[in-house]
PDB file of N, CA and C in Angstrom:
ATOM      1  N   MET A   1       9.367  20.735  -6.490  1.00  0.00           N
ATOM      2  CA  MET A   1       9.411  20.032  -7.765  1.00  0.00           C
ATOM      3  C   MET A   1      10.095  18.678  -7.613  1.00  0.00           C
ATOM      4  N   LEU A   2      11.108  18.627  -6.756  1.00  0.00           N
ATOM      5  CA  LEU A   2      11.826  17.378  -6.543  1.00  0.00           C
ATOM      6  C   LEU A   2      10.916  16.324  -5.927  1.00  0.00           C
ATOM      7  N   ASP A   3      10.037  16.757  -5.001  1.00  0.00           N
ATOM      8  CA  ASP A   3       9.106  15.817  -4.382  1.00  0.00           C
ATOM      9  C   ASP A   3       8.132  15.234  -5.406  1.00  0.00           C
ATOM     10  N   VAL A   4       7.698  16.057  -6.355  1.00  0.00           N
ATOM     11  CA  VAL A   4       6.782  15.584  -7.393  1.00  0.00           C
ATOM     12  C   VAL A   4       7.463  14.546  -8.266  1.00  0.00           C
ATOM     13  N   GLN A   5       8.697  14.774  -8.640  1.00  0.00           N
ATOM     14  CA  GLN A   5       9.432  13.811  -9.468  1.00  0.00           C
ATOM     15  C   GLN A   5       9.667  12.508  -8.713  1.00  0.00           C
ATOM     16  N   ARG A   6       9.990  12.608  -7.431  1.00  0.00           N
ATOM     17  CA  ARG A   6      10.224  11.415  -6.628  1.00  0.00           C
ATOM     18  C   ARG A   6       8.913  10.622  -6.473  1.00  0.00           C
ATOM     19  N   HIS A   7       7.820  11.336  -6.239  1.00  0.00           N
ATOM     20  CA  HIS A   7       6.523  10.678  -6.085  1.00  0.00           C
ATOM     21  C   HIS A   7       6.098  10.002  -7.391  1.00  0.00           C
ATOM     22  N   THR A   8       6.348  10.657  -8.515  1.00  0.00           N
ATOM     23  CA  THR A   8       6.022  10.081  -9.816  1.00  0.00           C
ATOM     24  C   THR A   8       6.819   8.802 -10.051  1.00  0.00           C
ATOM     25  N   ALA A   9       8.077   8.809  -9.693  1.00  0.00           N
ATOM     26  CA  ALA A   9       8.913   7.612  -9.859  1.00  0.00           C
ATOM     27  C   ALA A   9       8.412   6.476  -8.975  1.00  0.00           C
ATOM     28  N   GLU A  10       7.981   6.797  -7.749  1.00  0.00           N
ATOM     29  CA  GLU A  10       7.451   5.763  -6.860  1.00  0.00           C
ATOM     30  C   GLU A  10       6.158   5.175  -7.412  1.00  0.00           C
ATOM     31  N   LEU A  11       5.298   6.030  -7.967  1.00  0.00           N
ATOM     32  CA  LEU A  11       4.039   5.546  -8.532  1.00  0.00           C
ATOM     33  C   LEU A  11       4.268   4.651  -9.741  1.00  0.00           C
ATOM     34  N   GLU A  12       5.265   4.978 -10.553  1.00  0.00           N
ATOM     35  CA  GLU A  12       5.550   4.149 -11.723  1.00  0.00           C
ATOM     36  C   GLU A  12       5.959   2.735 -11.326  1.00  0.00           C
ATOM     37  N   LYS A  13       6.613   2.597 -10.175  1.00  0.00           N
ATOM     38  CA  LYS A  13       6.982   1.257  -9.693  1.00  0.00           C
ATOM     39  C   LYS A  13       5.816   0.565  -9.002  1.00  0.00           C
ATOM     40  N   TYR A  14       4.890   1.340  -8.439  1.00  0.00           N
ATOM     41  CA  TYR A  14       3.806   0.777  -7.638  1.00  0.00           C
ATOM     42  C   TYR A  14       2.629   0.292  -8.480  1.00  0.00           C
ATOM     43  N   TRP A  15       2.307   0.978  -9.586  1.00  0.00           N
ATOM     44  CA  TRP A  15       1.106   0.663 -10.356  1.00  0.00           C
ATOM     45  C   TRP A  15       1.038  -0.776 -10.851  1.00  0.00           C
ATOM     46  N   PRO A  16       2.104  -1.376 -11.371  1.00  0.00           N
ATOM     47  CA  PRO A  16       1.981  -2.784 -11.810  1.00  0.00           C
ATOM     48  C   PRO A  16       1.601  -3.716 -10.659  1.00  0.00           C
ATOM     49  N   LYS A  17       2.134  -3.474  -9.472  1.00  0.00           N
ATOM     50  CA  LYS A  17       1.785  -4.300  -8.311  1.00  0.00           C
ATOM     51  C   LYS A  17       0.326  -4.100  -7.931  1.00  0.00           C
ATOM     52  N   PHE A  18      -0.132  -2.853  -7.987  1.00  0.00           N
ATOM     53  CA  PHE A  18      -1.519  -2.554  -7.656  1.00  0.00           C
ATOM     54  C   PHE A  18      -2.475  -3.221  -8.634  1.00  0.00           C
ATOM     55  N   LEU A  19      -2.180  -3.143  -9.923  1.00  0.00           N
ATOM     56  CA  LEU A  19      -3.055  -3.751 -10.926  1.00  0.00           C
ATOM     57  C   LEU A  19      -3.064  -5.272 -10.822  1.00  0.00           C
ATOM     58  N   LEU A  20      -1.924  -5.878 -10.519  1.00  0.00           N
ATOM     59  CA  LEU A  20      -1.883  -7.318 -10.308  1.00  0.00           C
ATOM     60  C   LEU A  20      -2.744  -7.704  -9.109  1.00  0.00           C
ATOM     61  N   GLY A  21      -2.645  -6.947  -8.029  1.00  0.00           N
ATOM     62  CA  GLY A  21      -3.476  -7.203  -6.853  1.00  0.00           C
ATOM     63  C   GLY A  21      -4.952  -7.063  -7.154  1.00  0.00           C
ATOM     64  N   CYS A  22      -5.324  -6.066  -7.937  1.00  0.00           N
ATOM     65  CA  CYS A  22      -6.732  -5.877  -8.312  1.00  0.00           C
ATOM     66  C   CYS A  22      -7.221  -7.000  -9.215  1.00  0.00           C
ATOM     67  N   ALA A  23      -6.369  -7.497 -10.102  1.00  0.00           N
ATOM     68  CA  ALA A  23      -6.755  -8.615 -10.965  1.00  0.00           C
ATOM     69  C   ALA A  23      -6.989  -9.879 -10.130  1.00  0.00           C
ATOM     70  N   ILE A  24      -6.129 -10.124  -9.169  1.00  0.00           N
ATOM     71  CA  ILE A  24      -6.321 -11.274  -8.283  1.00  0.00           C
ATOM     72  C   ILE A  24      -7.603 -11.108  -7.479  1.00  0.00           C
ATOM     73  N   GLU A  25      -7.860  -9.909  -7.006  1.00  0.00           N
ATOM     74  CA  GLU A  25      -9.075  -9.631  -6.248  1.00  0.00           C
ATOM     75  C   GLU A  25     -10.321  -9.857  -7.114  1.00  0.00           C
ATOM     76  N   ALA A  26     -10.294  -9.418  -8.355  1.00  0.00           N
ATOM     77  CA  ALA A  26     -11.431  -9.628  -9.255  1.00  0.00           C
ATOM     78  C   ALA A  26     -11.645 -11.111  -9.519  1.00  0.00           C
ATOM     79  N   GLY A  27     -10.565 -11.866  -9.687  1.00  0.00           N
ATOM     80  CA  GLY A  27     -10.695 -13.312  -9.884  1.00  0.00           C
ATOM     81  C   GLY A  27     -11.286 -13.992  -8.663  1.00  0.00           C
ATOM     82  N   CYS A  28     -10.877 -13.569  -7.488  1.00  0.00           N
ATOM     83  CA  CYS A  28     -11.441 -14.132  -6.252  1.00  0.00           C
ATOM     84  C   CYS A  28     -12.917 -13.799  -6.121  1.00  0.00           C
ATOM     85  N   TYR A  29     -13.299 -12.607  -6.556  1.00  0.00           N
ATOM     86  CA  TYR A  29     -14.711 -12.212  -6.486  1.00  0.00           C
ATOM     87  C   TYR A  29     -15.572 -13.135  -7.340  1.00  0.00           C
ATOM     88  N   LEU A  30     -15.041 -13.511  -8.507  1.00  0.00           N
ATOM     89  CA  LEU A  30     -15.815 -14.351  -9.417  1.00  0.00           C
ATOM     90  C   LEU A  30     -15.765 -15.829  -9.054  1.00  0.00           C
ATOM     91  N   LEU A  31     -14.679 -16.289  -8.450  1.00  0.00           N
ATOM     92  CA  LEU A  31     -14.478 -17.721  -8.275  1.00  0.00           C
ATOM     93  C   LEU A  31     -14.589 -18.233  -6.842  1.00  0.00           C
ATOM     94  N   CYS A  32     -14.520 -17.373  -5.859  1.00  0.00           N
ATOM     95  CA  CYS A  32     -14.423 -17.835  -4.469  1.00  0.00           C
ATOM     96  C   CYS A  32     -15.692 -17.547  -3.674  1.00  0.00           C
ATOM     97  N   HIS A  33     -15.774 -18.240  -2.562  1.00  0.00           N
ATOM     98  CA  HIS A  33     -16.813 -17.995  -1.566  1.00  0.00           C
ATOM     99  C   HIS A  33     -16.618 -16.586  -1.005  1.00  0.00           C
ATOM    100  N   PRO A  34     -17.703 -15.893  -0.604  1.00  0.00           N
ATOM    101  CA  PRO A  34     -17.555 -14.518  -0.091  1.00  0.00           C
ATOM    102  C   PRO A  34     -16.571 -14.380   1.075  1.00  0.00           C
ATOM    103  N   ASP A  35     -16.496 -15.381   1.950  1.00  0.00           N
ATOM    104  CA  ASP A  35     -15.540 -15.291   3.055  1.00  0.00           C
ATOM    105  C   ASP A  35     -14.098 -15.322   2.549  1.00  0.00           C
ATOM    106  N   LEU A  36     -13.821 -16.151   1.556  1.00  0.00           N
ATOM    107  CA  LEU A  36     -12.472 -16.198   0.985  1.00  0.00           C
ATOM    108  C   LEU A  36     -12.156 -14.917   0.218  1.00  0.00           C
ATOM    109  N   PHE A  37     -13.186 -14.356  -0.409  1.00  0.00           N
ATOM    110  CA  PHE A  37     -12.988 -13.079  -1.103  1.00  0.00           C
ATOM    111  C   PHE A  37     -12.601 -11.989  -0.099  1.00  0.00           C
ATOM    112  N   ASN A  38     -13.300 -11.936   1.024  1.00  0.00           N
ATOM    113  CA  ASN A  38     -12.958 -10.943   2.054  1.00  0.00           C
ATOM    114  C   ASN A  38     -11.528 -11.134   2.547  1.00  0.00           C
ATOM    115  N   LEU A  39     -11.128 -12.380   2.747  1.00  0.00           N
ATOM    116  CA  LEU A  39      -9.762 -12.660   3.171  1.00  0.00           C
ATOM    117  C   LEU A  39      -8.762 -12.190   2.116  1.00  0.00           C
ATOM    118  N   ALA A  40      -9.065 -12.427   0.844  1.00  0.00           N
ATOM    119  CA  ALA A  40      -8.166 -11.992  -0.232  1.00  0.00           C
ATOM    120  C   ALA A  40      -8.038 -10.469  -0.260  1.00  0.00           C
ATOM    121  N   VAL A  41      -9.139  -9.766  -0.033  1.00  0.00           N
ATOM    122  CA  VAL A  41      -9.102  -8.299  -0.020  1.00  0.00           C
ATOM    123  C   VAL A  41      -8.246  -7.804   1.144  1.00  0.00           C
ATOM    124  N   ILE A  42      -8.403  -8.416   2.306  1.00  0.00           N
ATOM    125  CA  ILE A  42      -7.622  -8.013   3.472  1.00  0.00           C
ATOM    126  C   ILE A  42      -6.130  -8.260   3.237  1.00  0.00           C
ATOM    127  N   ILE A  43      -5.798  -9.420   2.703  1.00  0.00           N
ATOM    128  CA  ILE A  43      -4.394  -9.749   2.446  1.00  0.00           C
ATOM    129  C   ILE A  43      -3.811  -8.816   1.391  1.00  0.00           C
ATOM    130  N   LYS A  44      -4.558  -8.559   0.312  1.00  0.00           N
ATOM    131  CA  LYS A  44      -4.077  -7.664  -0.741  1.00  0.00           C
ATOM    132  C   LYS A  44      -3.834  -6.262  -0.197  1.00  0.00           C
ATOM    133  N   THR A  45      -4.779  -5.754   0.578  1.00  0.00           N
ATOM    134  CA  THR A  45      -4.643  -4.416   1.133  1.00  0.00           C
ATOM    135  C   THR A  45      -3.443  -4.327   2.065  1.00  0.00           C
ATOM    136  N   SER A  46      -3.259  -5.338   2.888  1.00  0.00           N
ATOM    137  CA  SER A  46      -2.131  -5.335   3.827  1.00  0.00           C
ATOM    138  C   SER A  46      -0.797  -5.390   3.101  1.00  0.00           C
ATOM    139  N   ILE A  47      -0.684  -6.254   2.123  1.00  0.00           N
ATOM    140  CA  ILE A  47       0.571  -6.391   1.374  1.00  0.00           C
ATOM    141  C   ILE A  47       0.887  -5.112   0.614  1.00  0.00           C
ATOM    142  N   LEU A  48      -0.116  -4.535  -0.064  1.00  0.00           N
ATOM    143  CA  LEU A  48       0.146  -3.312  -0.822  1.00  0.00           C
ATOM    144  C   LEU A  48       0.455  -2.134   0.092  1.00  0.00           C
ATOM    145  N   LEU A  49      -0.132  -2.090   1.273  1.00  0.00           N
ATOM    146  CA  LEU A  49       0.202  -1.040   2.228  1.00  0.00           C
ATOM    147  C   LEU A  49       1.653  -1.167   2.689  1.00  0.00           C
ATOM    148  N   ILE A  50       2.086  -2.399   2.955  1.00  0.00           N
ATOM    149  CA  ILE A  50       3.474  -2.623   3.366  1.00  0.00           C
ATOM    150  C   ILE A  50       4.432  -2.233   2.245  1.00  0.00           C
ATOM    151  N   VAL A  51       4.109  -2.614   1.020  1.00  0.00           N
ATOM    152  CA  VAL A  51       4.969  -2.275  -0.126  1.00  0.00           C
ATOM    153  C   VAL A  51       5.038  -0.761  -0.294  1.00  0.00           C
ATOM    154  N   TRP A  52       3.905  -0.079  -0.175  1.00  0.00           N
ATOM    155  CA  TRP A  52       3.873   1.372  -0.340  1.00  0.00           C
ATOM    156  C   TRP A  52       4.659   2.063   0.763  1.00  0.00           C
ATOM    157  N   MET A  53       4.463   1.645   2.008  1.00  0.00           N
ATOM    158  CA  MET A  53       5.130   2.310   3.122  1.00  0.00           C
ATOM    159  C   MET A  53       6.619   1.985   3.198  1.00  0.00           C
ATOM    160  N   LYS A  54       7.020   0.864   2.608  1.00  0.00           N
ATOM    161  CA  LYS A  54       8.444   0.535   2.594  1.00  0.00           C
ATOM    162  C   LYS A  54       9.230   1.587   1.823  1.00  0.00           C
ATOM    163  N   GLY A  55       8.630   2.181   0.824  1.00  0.00           N
ATOM    164  CA  GLY A  55       9.276   3.238   0.064  1.00  0.00           C
ATOM    165  C   GLY A  55       9.159   4.602   0.709  1.00  0.00           C
ATOM    166  N   LYS A  56       8.430   4.700   1.804  1.00  0.00           N
ATOM    167  CA  LYS A  56       8.183   5.983   2.468  1.00  0.00           C
ATOM    168  C   LYS A  56       8.815   6.021   3.852  1.00  0.00           C
ATOM    169  N   LYS A  57       9.995   5.484   4.013  1.00  0.00           N
ATOM    170  CA  LYS A  57      10.610   5.383   5.338  1.00  0.00           C
ATOM    171  C   LYS A  57      10.810   6.746   5.990  1.00  0.00           C
ATOM    172  N   GLN A  58      11.135   7.774   5.213  1.00  0.00           N
ATOM    173  CA  GLN A  58      11.356   9.085   5.823  1.00  0.00           C
ATOM    174  C   GLN A  58      10.062   9.631   6.412  1.00  0.00           C
ATOM    175  N   TYR A  59       8.916   9.341   5.804  1.00  0.00           N
ATOM    176  CA  TYR A  59       7.649   9.823   6.337  1.00  0.00           C
ATOM    177  C   TYR A  59       7.237   9.027   7.568  1.00  0.00           C
ATOM    178  N   VAL A  60       7.474   7.738   7.545  1.00  0.00           N
ATOM    179  CA  VAL A  60       7.134   6.902   8.696  1.00  0.00           C
ATOM    180  C   VAL A  60       7.961   7.301   9.896  1.00  0.00           C
ATOM    181  N   SER A  61       9.258   7.538   9.717  1.00  0.00           N
ATOM    182  CA  SER A  61      10.095   7.925  10.851  1.00  0.00           C
ATOM    183  C   SER A  61       9.699   9.305  11.365  1.00  0.00           C
ATOM    184  N   ARG A  62       9.303  10.216  10.474  1.00  0.00           N
ATOM    185  CA  ARG A  62       8.859  11.539  10.909  1.00  0.00           C
ATOM    186  C   ARG A  62       7.564  11.419  11.709  1.00  0.00           C
ATOM    187  N   PHE A  63       6.636  10.582  11.271  1.00  0.00           N
ATOM    188  CA  PHE A  63       5.385  10.368  12.004  1.00  0.00           C
ATOM    189  C   PHE A  63       5.660   9.757  13.376  1.00  0.00           C
ATOM    190  N   THR A  64       6.551   8.786  13.419  1.00  0.00           N
ATOM    191  CA  THR A  64       6.902   8.165  14.702  1.00  0.00           C
ATOM    192  C   THR A  64       7.505   9.202  15.651  1.00  0.00           C
ATOM    193  N   TYR A  65       8.329  10.080  15.110  1.00  0.00           N
ATOM    194  CA  TYR A  65       8.925  11.130  15.932  1.00  0.00           C
ATOM    195  C   TYR A  65       7.853  12.068  16.476  1.00  0.00           C
ATOM    196  N   LEU A  66       6.883  12.465  15.634  1.00  0.00           N
ATOM    197  CA  LEU A  66       5.834  13.375  16.088  1.00  0.00           C
ATOM    198  C   LEU A  66       4.934  12.732  17.128  1.00  0.00           C
ATOM    199  N   VAL A  67       4.636  11.450  16.965  1.00  0.00           N
ATOM    200  CA  VAL A  67       3.788  10.752  17.920  1.00  0.00           C
ATOM    201  C   VAL A  67       4.507  10.581  19.249  1.00  0.00           C
ATOM    202  N   ALA A  68       5.805  10.324  19.197  1.00  0.00           N
ATOM    203  CA  ALA A  68       6.565  10.082  20.427  1.00  0.00           C
ATOM    204  C   ALA A  68       6.933  11.377  21.146  1.00  0.00           C
ATOM    205  N   ASP A  69       6.771  12.523  20.497  1.00  0.00           N
ATOM    206  CA  ASP A  69       7.141  13.805  21.098  1.00  0.00           C
ATOM    207  C   ASP A  69       6.076  14.217  22.107  1.00  0.00           C
ATOM    208  N   ASP A  70       6.463  14.369  23.374  1.00  0.00           N
ATOM    209  CA  ASP A  70       5.528  14.721  24.428  1.00  0.00           C
ATOM    210  C   ASP A  70       5.273  16.225  24.525  1.00  0.00           C
ATOM    211  N   SER A  71       6.108  17.029  23.898  1.00  0.00           N
ATOM    212  CA  SER A  71       5.970  18.480  24.028  1.00  0.00           C
ATOM    213  C   SER A  71       4.805  19.044  23.224  1.00  0.00           C
ATOM    214  N   LEU A  72       4.207  18.250  22.349  1.00  0.00           N
ATOM    215  CA  LEU A  72       3.086  18.756  21.552  1.00  0.00           C
ATOM    216  C   LEU A  72       1.915  18.882  22.453  1.00  0.00           C
TER     217      LEU A  72
END
C-alpha cells in the first residue's frame, strides 16, 4: 500500500510536466518542418525520461546492481 501511495504522489508531480511536453510537441507538429518535429519529440522524450528516473533512484541503483552481479 505504501508503494501505491508513493507512486501516486510521484505521478501527481509528473503529469503537469508531461502535459506541457505534449503541448509543445503538438505545437511543433503544427508549426515546424517534420525534421524539427522529430527532434522536438526526441528531446521531449529524453528530458521526461530523465525527470521520471530522477525520482526513481532506488530502482535505478537496484537495476545497476543486478546487471553488475556476475553470479546470475
